Protein backbone atom coordinates (compact mmCIF):
# COMPACT_ATOMS: atom_id res chain seq x y z
CA UNK A 1 48.98 -15.66 -3.07
CA UNK A 2 46.95 -18.59 -1.76
CA UNK A 3 44.95 -20.47 -4.42
CA UNK A 4 43.21 -23.80 -4.83
CA UNK A 5 43.22 -25.91 -7.98
CA UNK A 6 40.40 -27.73 -9.73
CA UNK A 7 41.41 -30.86 -11.63
CA UNK A 8 38.84 -32.44 -13.97
CA UNK A 9 40.22 -35.87 -14.91
CA UNK A 10 38.58 -37.40 -17.96
CA UNK A 11 39.38 -40.49 -19.96
CA UNK A 12 41.74 -38.72 -22.34
CA UNK A 13 42.37 -35.21 -20.98
CA UNK A 14 42.79 -33.35 -17.70
CA UNK A 15 41.35 -29.86 -17.43
CA UNK A 16 42.62 -27.41 -14.79
CA UNK A 17 41.54 -24.19 -13.21
CA UNK A 18 42.70 -22.08 -10.25
CA UNK A 19 40.65 -19.93 -7.91
CA UNK A 20 41.80 -17.55 -5.20
CA UNK A 21 40.31 -16.89 -1.76
CA UNK A 22 38.18 -14.08 -3.24
CA UNK A 23 36.56 -16.72 -5.51
CA UNK A 24 38.13 -15.28 -8.65
CA UNK A 25 38.99 -17.83 -11.33
CA UNK A 26 42.50 -17.27 -12.64
CA UNK A 27 42.12 -19.37 -15.81
CA UNK A 28 39.25 -18.38 -18.09
CA UNK A 29 39.11 -21.09 -20.74
CA UNK A 30 40.32 -24.66 -21.13
CA UNK A 31 43.73 -25.59 -19.74
CA UNK A 32 44.16 -29.19 -20.86
CA UNK A 33 46.87 -31.82 -20.48
CA UNK A 34 46.85 -35.47 -21.67
CA UNK A 35 45.49 -37.82 -18.99
CA UNK A 36 47.11 -41.13 -20.04
CA UNK A 37 44.69 -42.82 -17.62
CA UNK A 38 44.82 -46.05 -19.66
CA UNK A 39 48.43 -46.46 -18.55
CA UNK A 40 47.41 -46.82 -14.91
CA UNK A 41 47.56 -44.80 -11.67
CA UNK A 42 51.30 -44.14 -11.49
CA UNK A 43 51.52 -42.59 -14.95
CA UNK A 44 48.21 -40.72 -14.65
CA UNK A 45 48.98 -39.17 -11.25
CA UNK A 46 52.31 -37.96 -12.60
CA UNK A 47 50.46 -36.44 -15.55
CA UNK A 48 48.18 -34.58 -13.14
CA UNK A 49 51.20 -33.22 -11.25
CA UNK A 50 52.95 -32.16 -14.46
CA UNK A 51 49.83 -30.47 -15.79
CA UNK A 52 49.29 -28.65 -12.50
CA UNK A 53 52.66 -26.96 -12.92
CA UNK A 54 51.63 -25.86 -16.43
CA UNK A 55 48.34 -24.48 -15.04
CA UNK A 56 50.00 -22.51 -12.25
CA UNK A 57 52.49 -21.05 -14.71
CA UNK A 58 49.60 -20.02 -16.98
CA UNK A 59 47.85 -18.30 -14.07
CA UNK A 60 50.99 -16.53 -12.86
CA UNK A 61 51.07 -18.53 -9.61
CA UNK A 62 53.59 -20.88 -8.05
CA UNK A 63 53.01 -24.51 -7.09
CA UNK A 64 53.66 -23.54 -3.47
CA UNK A 65 50.71 -21.12 -3.68
CA UNK A 66 48.32 -24.07 -4.16
CA UNK A 67 46.99 -24.96 -0.70
CA UNK A 68 44.42 -27.59 -1.76
CA UNK A 69 43.28 -29.47 -4.85
CA UNK A 70 39.78 -30.43 -5.89
CA UNK A 71 39.62 -33.56 -8.05
CA UNK A 72 36.70 -34.83 -10.07
CA UNK A 73 36.50 -37.97 -12.19
CA UNK A 74 33.89 -40.06 -13.94
CA UNK A 75 32.47 -42.87 -11.82
CA UNK A 76 31.64 -45.26 -10.53
CA UNK A 77 33.42 -44.40 -7.29
CA UNK A 78 32.74 -43.89 -3.61
CA UNK A 79 32.02 -40.47 -2.13
CA UNK A 80 35.60 -40.39 -0.83
CA UNK A 81 37.20 -41.18 -4.21
CA UNK A 82 37.72 -44.94 -4.23
CA UNK A 83 37.18 -46.20 -7.77
CA UNK A 84 34.98 -49.22 -8.41
CA UNK A 85 36.63 -52.61 -7.92
CA UNK A 86 35.03 -53.60 -11.23
CA UNK A 87 36.81 -50.82 -13.10
CA UNK A 88 35.07 -48.40 -15.45
CA UNK A 89 35.03 -47.14 -19.02
CA UNK A 90 37.53 -44.38 -18.24
CA UNK A 91 39.78 -46.39 -15.91
CA UNK A 92 40.42 -49.66 -17.73
CA UNK A 93 43.92 -50.42 -16.44
CA UNK A 94 43.70 -53.26 -13.86
CA UNK A 95 45.54 -51.23 -11.21
CA UNK A 96 42.67 -48.72 -11.13
CA UNK A 97 40.30 -51.36 -9.69
CA UNK A 98 39.50 -50.28 -6.13
CA UNK A 99 42.14 -47.53 -6.26
CA UNK A 100 41.70 -44.59 -3.87
CA UNK A 101 42.41 -41.82 -6.34
CA UNK A 102 41.84 -38.98 -3.89
CA UNK A 103 44.33 -40.40 -1.40
CA UNK A 104 46.74 -41.29 -4.22
CA UNK A 105 46.78 -37.72 -5.54
CA UNK A 106 47.11 -36.25 -2.03
CA UNK A 107 50.16 -38.45 -1.44
CA UNK A 108 51.61 -37.55 -4.84
CA UNK A 109 51.26 -33.79 -4.36
CA UNK A 110 51.68 -33.59 -0.59
CA UNK A 111 48.56 -31.41 -0.35
CA UNK A 112 44.96 -31.99 0.81
CA UNK A 113 42.59 -33.14 -1.92
CA UNK A 114 38.79 -33.09 -2.06
CA UNK A 115 36.82 -35.36 -4.39
CA UNK A 116 33.60 -35.25 -6.41
CA UNK A 117 32.36 -37.26 -9.35
CA UNK A 118 32.38 -35.24 -12.56
CA UNK A 119 28.63 -34.65 -12.80
CA UNK A 120 28.40 -33.45 -9.19
CA UNK A 121 31.33 -31.11 -9.81
CA UNK A 122 29.59 -29.63 -12.84
CA UNK A 123 26.39 -29.26 -10.82
CA UNK A 124 28.25 -27.41 -8.07
CA UNK A 125 29.68 -24.97 -10.62
CA UNK A 126 26.28 -24.43 -12.24
CA UNK A 127 24.77 -23.70 -8.83
CA UNK A 128 27.58 -21.32 -7.88
CA UNK A 129 27.31 -19.44 -11.20
CA UNK A 130 23.66 -18.72 -10.49
CA UNK A 131 23.51 -18.29 -6.72
CA UNK A 132 27.08 -17.55 -5.56
CA UNK A 133 29.30 -19.35 -3.07
CA UNK A 134 27.42 -18.85 0.20
CA UNK A 135 23.95 -19.73 -1.01
CA UNK A 136 21.37 -21.84 0.78
CA UNK A 137 19.29 -22.48 -2.34
CA UNK A 138 18.55 -25.86 -3.89
CA UNK A 139 19.23 -26.69 -7.53
CA UNK A 140 18.94 -29.76 -9.74
CA UNK A 141 21.42 -30.10 -12.61
CA UNK A 142 21.26 -32.61 -15.43
CA UNK A 143 24.29 -33.05 -17.67
CA UNK A 144 23.49 -34.65 -21.02
CA UNK A 145 26.45 -36.08 -22.92
CA UNK A 146 27.44 -39.56 -24.06
CA UNK A 147 25.54 -40.70 -20.98
CA UNK A 148 23.46 -38.74 -18.52
CA UNK A 149 24.66 -37.52 -15.13
CA UNK A 150 23.73 -34.79 -12.78
CA UNK A 151 23.85 -33.39 -9.33
CA UNK A 152 21.68 -32.12 -6.51
CA UNK A 153 22.79 -29.08 -4.52
CA UNK A 154 20.76 -28.94 -1.32
CA UNK A 155 21.14 -25.94 0.97
CA UNK A 156 24.31 -25.08 -0.95
CA UNK A 157 25.95 -28.50 -0.51
CA UNK A 158 26.47 -31.39 -2.95
CA UNK A 159 24.33 -34.42 -2.15
CA UNK A 160 26.85 -37.28 -2.37
CA UNK A 161 24.95 -40.04 -0.60
CA UNK A 162 26.21 -42.93 1.54
CA UNK A 163 28.05 -44.68 -1.30
CA UNK A 164 28.79 -41.72 -3.54
CA UNK A 165 25.88 -42.35 -5.90
CA UNK A 166 23.84 -39.32 -4.88
CA UNK A 167 22.82 -37.43 -7.99
CA UNK A 168 22.88 -40.43 -10.35
CA UNK A 169 19.98 -38.74 -12.07
CA UNK A 170 20.38 -40.51 -15.39
CA UNK A 171 19.11 -43.75 -13.88
CA UNK A 172 15.87 -42.33 -12.48
CA UNK A 173 12.90 -43.99 -14.19
CA UNK A 174 10.48 -41.68 -16.01
CA UNK A 175 6.96 -42.29 -17.39
CA UNK A 176 8.27 -42.11 -20.96
CA UNK A 177 5.11 -43.70 -22.36
CA UNK A 178 3.42 -40.30 -22.06
CA UNK A 179 5.82 -38.66 -24.55
CA UNK A 180 3.98 -38.04 -27.83
CA UNK A 181 5.25 -39.69 -31.00
CA UNK A 182 7.11 -42.69 -29.55
CA UNK A 183 4.18 -44.99 -28.76
CA UNK A 184 5.91 -48.33 -29.43
CA UNK A 185 9.46 -47.46 -28.35
CA UNK A 186 11.23 -49.47 -25.59
CA UNK A 187 14.36 -47.57 -24.52
CA UNK A 188 17.06 -49.73 -22.90
CA UNK A 189 19.85 -48.20 -20.80
CA UNK A 190 23.32 -49.72 -20.56
CA UNK A 191 22.69 -50.11 -16.81
CA UNK A 192 19.97 -52.66 -17.60
CA UNK A 193 16.95 -50.49 -16.88
CA UNK A 194 14.20 -49.73 -19.35
CA UNK A 195 12.90 -46.17 -19.44
CA UNK A 196 15.34 -44.28 -17.25
CA UNK A 197 16.37 -40.76 -18.23
CA UNK A 198 19.64 -41.82 -19.86
CA UNK A 199 17.82 -44.34 -22.07
CA UNK A 200 16.17 -41.42 -23.87
CA UNK A 201 18.28 -38.37 -23.09
CA UNK A 202 21.91 -39.01 -24.08
CA UNK A 203 24.06 -39.42 -27.18
CA UNK A 204 24.00 -43.17 -26.53
CA UNK A 205 20.20 -43.08 -26.57
CA UNK A 206 20.27 -41.30 -29.94
CA UNK A 207 22.55 -43.96 -31.41
CA UNK A 208 20.87 -47.02 -29.90
CA UNK A 209 17.21 -46.07 -29.84
CA UNK A 210 16.03 -42.72 -31.16
CA UNK A 211 17.88 -42.49 -34.47
CA UNK A 212 16.93 -46.02 -35.62
CA UNK A 213 13.34 -45.35 -34.57
CA UNK A 214 12.99 -42.06 -36.44
CA UNK A 215 14.91 -43.17 -39.53
CA UNK A 216 12.08 -45.64 -40.15
CA UNK A 217 9.72 -42.66 -40.20
CA UNK A 218 11.98 -40.58 -42.44
CA UNK A 219 13.06 -43.00 -45.20
CA UNK A 220 15.75 -41.58 -47.45
CA UNK A 221 17.14 -39.24 -44.78
CA UNK A 222 20.85 -38.49 -45.27
CA UNK A 223 21.77 -39.94 -41.86
CA UNK A 224 20.40 -43.32 -42.92
CA UNK A 225 23.33 -43.68 -45.32
CA UNK A 226 26.01 -43.07 -42.65
CA UNK A 227 27.69 -45.16 -40.00
CA UNK A 228 25.28 -45.18 -37.04
CA UNK A 229 27.82 -43.85 -34.53
CA UNK A 230 28.85 -40.94 -36.74
CA UNK A 231 25.24 -40.29 -37.72
CA UNK A 232 24.24 -40.01 -34.04
CA UNK A 233 26.93 -37.37 -33.49
CA UNK A 234 25.58 -35.40 -36.47
CA UNK A 235 22.02 -35.18 -35.11
CA UNK A 236 22.67 -32.17 -32.86
CA UNK A 237 24.18 -30.02 -35.61
CA UNK A 238 21.38 -30.85 -38.04
CA UNK A 239 18.74 -30.17 -35.38
CA UNK A 240 20.34 -26.77 -34.75
CA UNK A 241 19.96 -26.08 -38.48
CA UNK A 242 16.26 -26.99 -38.40
CA UNK A 243 16.26 -30.54 -39.81
CA UNK A 244 12.75 -31.88 -39.01
CA UNK A 245 13.74 -35.42 -38.04
CA UNK A 246 16.65 -34.33 -35.88
CA UNK A 247 14.51 -31.72 -34.12
CA UNK A 248 11.99 -34.47 -33.38
CA UNK A 249 14.75 -36.48 -31.72
CA UNK A 250 15.68 -33.49 -29.56
CA UNK A 251 12.01 -32.80 -28.81
CA UNK A 252 11.75 -36.31 -27.36
CA UNK A 253 14.87 -35.68 -25.27
CA UNK A 254 13.50 -32.35 -24.03
CA UNK A 255 10.17 -33.93 -23.08
CA UNK A 256 12.01 -36.71 -21.22
CA UNK A 257 13.82 -34.00 -19.28
CA UNK A 258 10.48 -32.32 -18.60
CA UNK A 259 9.11 -35.52 -17.04
CA UNK A 260 12.27 -35.96 -15.00
CA UNK A 261 12.33 -32.37 -13.75
CA UNK A 262 8.67 -32.73 -12.74
CA UNK A 263 9.72 -35.59 -10.45
CA UNK A 264 12.52 -33.47 -9.01
CA UNK A 265 10.18 -30.51 -8.45
CA UNK A 266 7.81 -32.69 -6.47
CA UNK A 267 10.70 -34.17 -4.47
CA UNK A 268 12.88 -31.13 -3.73
CA UNK A 269 10.86 -27.99 -4.63
CA UNK A 270 14.11 -26.49 -5.99
CA UNK A 271 15.01 -22.87 -6.65
CA UNK A 272 16.42 -23.66 -10.11
CA UNK A 273 16.80 -26.37 -12.73
CA UNK A 274 20.01 -26.47 -14.79
CA UNK A 275 20.81 -28.28 -18.04
CA UNK A 276 24.38 -28.82 -19.22
CA UNK A 277 26.50 -31.03 -21.42
CA UNK A 278 26.90 -31.48 -25.14
CA UNK A 279 23.16 -31.42 -25.75
CA UNK A 280 23.24 -27.61 -25.52
CA UNK A 281 26.52 -26.86 -27.28
CA UNK A 282 24.37 -25.16 -29.90
CA UNK A 283 23.17 -21.76 -31.02
CA UNK A 284 21.35 -19.56 -28.49
CA UNK A 285 18.17 -19.89 -30.51
CA UNK A 286 18.26 -23.67 -30.34
CA UNK A 287 19.00 -23.55 -26.61
CA UNK A 288 15.91 -21.44 -25.98
CA UNK A 289 13.77 -23.74 -28.14
CA UNK A 290 15.05 -26.78 -26.22
CA UNK A 291 14.34 -25.17 -22.83
CA UNK A 292 10.82 -24.25 -23.98
CA UNK A 293 10.25 -27.87 -25.07
CA UNK A 294 11.30 -29.05 -21.60
CA UNK A 295 8.45 -26.89 -20.26
CA UNK A 296 6.05 -28.39 -22.81
CA UNK A 297 7.04 -31.87 -21.65
CA UNK A 298 6.27 -31.16 -17.99
CA UNK A 299 2.93 -32.16 -16.51
CA UNK A 300 0.90 -29.28 -15.08
CA UNK A 301 2.67 -27.74 -12.09
CA UNK A 302 1.31 -26.10 -8.98
CA UNK A 303 0.98 -22.37 -9.51
CA UNK A 304 3.79 -21.69 -7.02
CA UNK A 305 6.18 -24.04 -8.85
CA UNK A 306 5.29 -23.36 -12.47
CA UNK A 307 7.88 -20.61 -12.83
CA UNK A 308 10.92 -22.38 -11.37
CA UNK A 309 13.61 -21.16 -13.80
CA UNK A 310 15.50 -23.49 -16.16
CA UNK A 311 19.07 -22.38 -16.88
CA UNK A 312 21.74 -23.44 -19.35
CA UNK A 313 24.90 -24.37 -17.43
CA UNK A 314 27.52 -21.68 -18.19
CA UNK A 315 31.12 -22.46 -19.19
CA UNK A 316 30.11 -26.04 -19.90
CA UNK A 317 33.53 -27.30 -21.02
CA UNK A 318 35.19 -26.05 -17.80
CA UNK A 319 32.29 -26.79 -15.43
CA UNK A 320 33.88 -29.89 -13.88
CA UNK A 321 37.18 -28.23 -13.05
CA UNK A 322 35.44 -25.15 -11.66
CA UNK A 323 33.15 -27.20 -9.46
CA UNK A 324 36.08 -29.26 -8.21
CA UNK A 325 37.93 -26.04 -7.38
CA UNK A 326 34.97 -24.72 -5.40
CA UNK A 327 34.86 -27.95 -3.37
CA UNK A 328 38.59 -27.55 -2.70
CA UNK A 329 38.06 -23.95 -1.59
CA UNK A 330 35.47 -25.19 0.90
CA UNK A 331 37.99 -27.76 2.20
CA UNK A 332 40.72 -25.11 2.46
CA UNK A 333 38.48 -22.76 4.44
CA UNK A 334 37.33 -25.51 6.78
CA UNK A 335 40.98 -26.49 7.35
CA UNK A 336 42.12 -22.90 7.93
CA UNK A 337 44.30 -22.93 4.81
CA UNK A 338 42.50 -20.09 3.00
């Protein structure tokens, strides 16, 4: 039985999946193993290898059945998998600086490895779930979590770009001044920009900008009495329950996405728009409200483009691993391994 593996390496956990040549996923839910990435490359790569054995056992496969591995990680990194020489939030050990993680894992496992950043991997899975493996459609995915990432699938392929920064959608500037109800706000992103998508549409944006702004308008709100970091995490759950202030915060985020998607529509004329990440780990009713608010936030579209569908990314917690596995399956087929 020939299979490929998807390995989603995060800061604290590794998530695995396996897919066979018929594009059937052999692990349905989460299959997690501790990452130990803070202990450096040697320890982390061994953790990946150990966890891969656990995943193959769970799927009823053998390690020898795995013909290729797809790896995804948070950035910044090159398109080929070389991590930034300046390090990153998830790879703080000094030996990670400039480390070629794709090549390192290929050497460790003795198998070919493909590489994507985590947002591009999630975007590839979202595209596949809607259009299938051999599609030639175009989709734009935005993944809203602690930060904001995304991916562009053009003619069925991930847009990686020359340096691996293709699909860094969170740092696209938007005309946020047109969003109602935030007239005097000045949203700063950690990247240094003012008014990019991440500066308004992320958990970090809630904590740094939106929650402080709206608490001044809702004096006495329960979140005003809590630690700001914990309060920001509580906004989503309260919004899902109908809290007026918290729904206003999510309305602003939805309208920011509407402005961003309008830019993408005019650039790519896509077949679908996809939203994923923690922002939509909510009830179905809240998801539909949020998607409708994205539409409200969009400027008027051409008649032909007004009905481009907006989807919720399925299997959000396993999206990275599944997208990485699909990229590995492509590599295996091109190499004659599957």
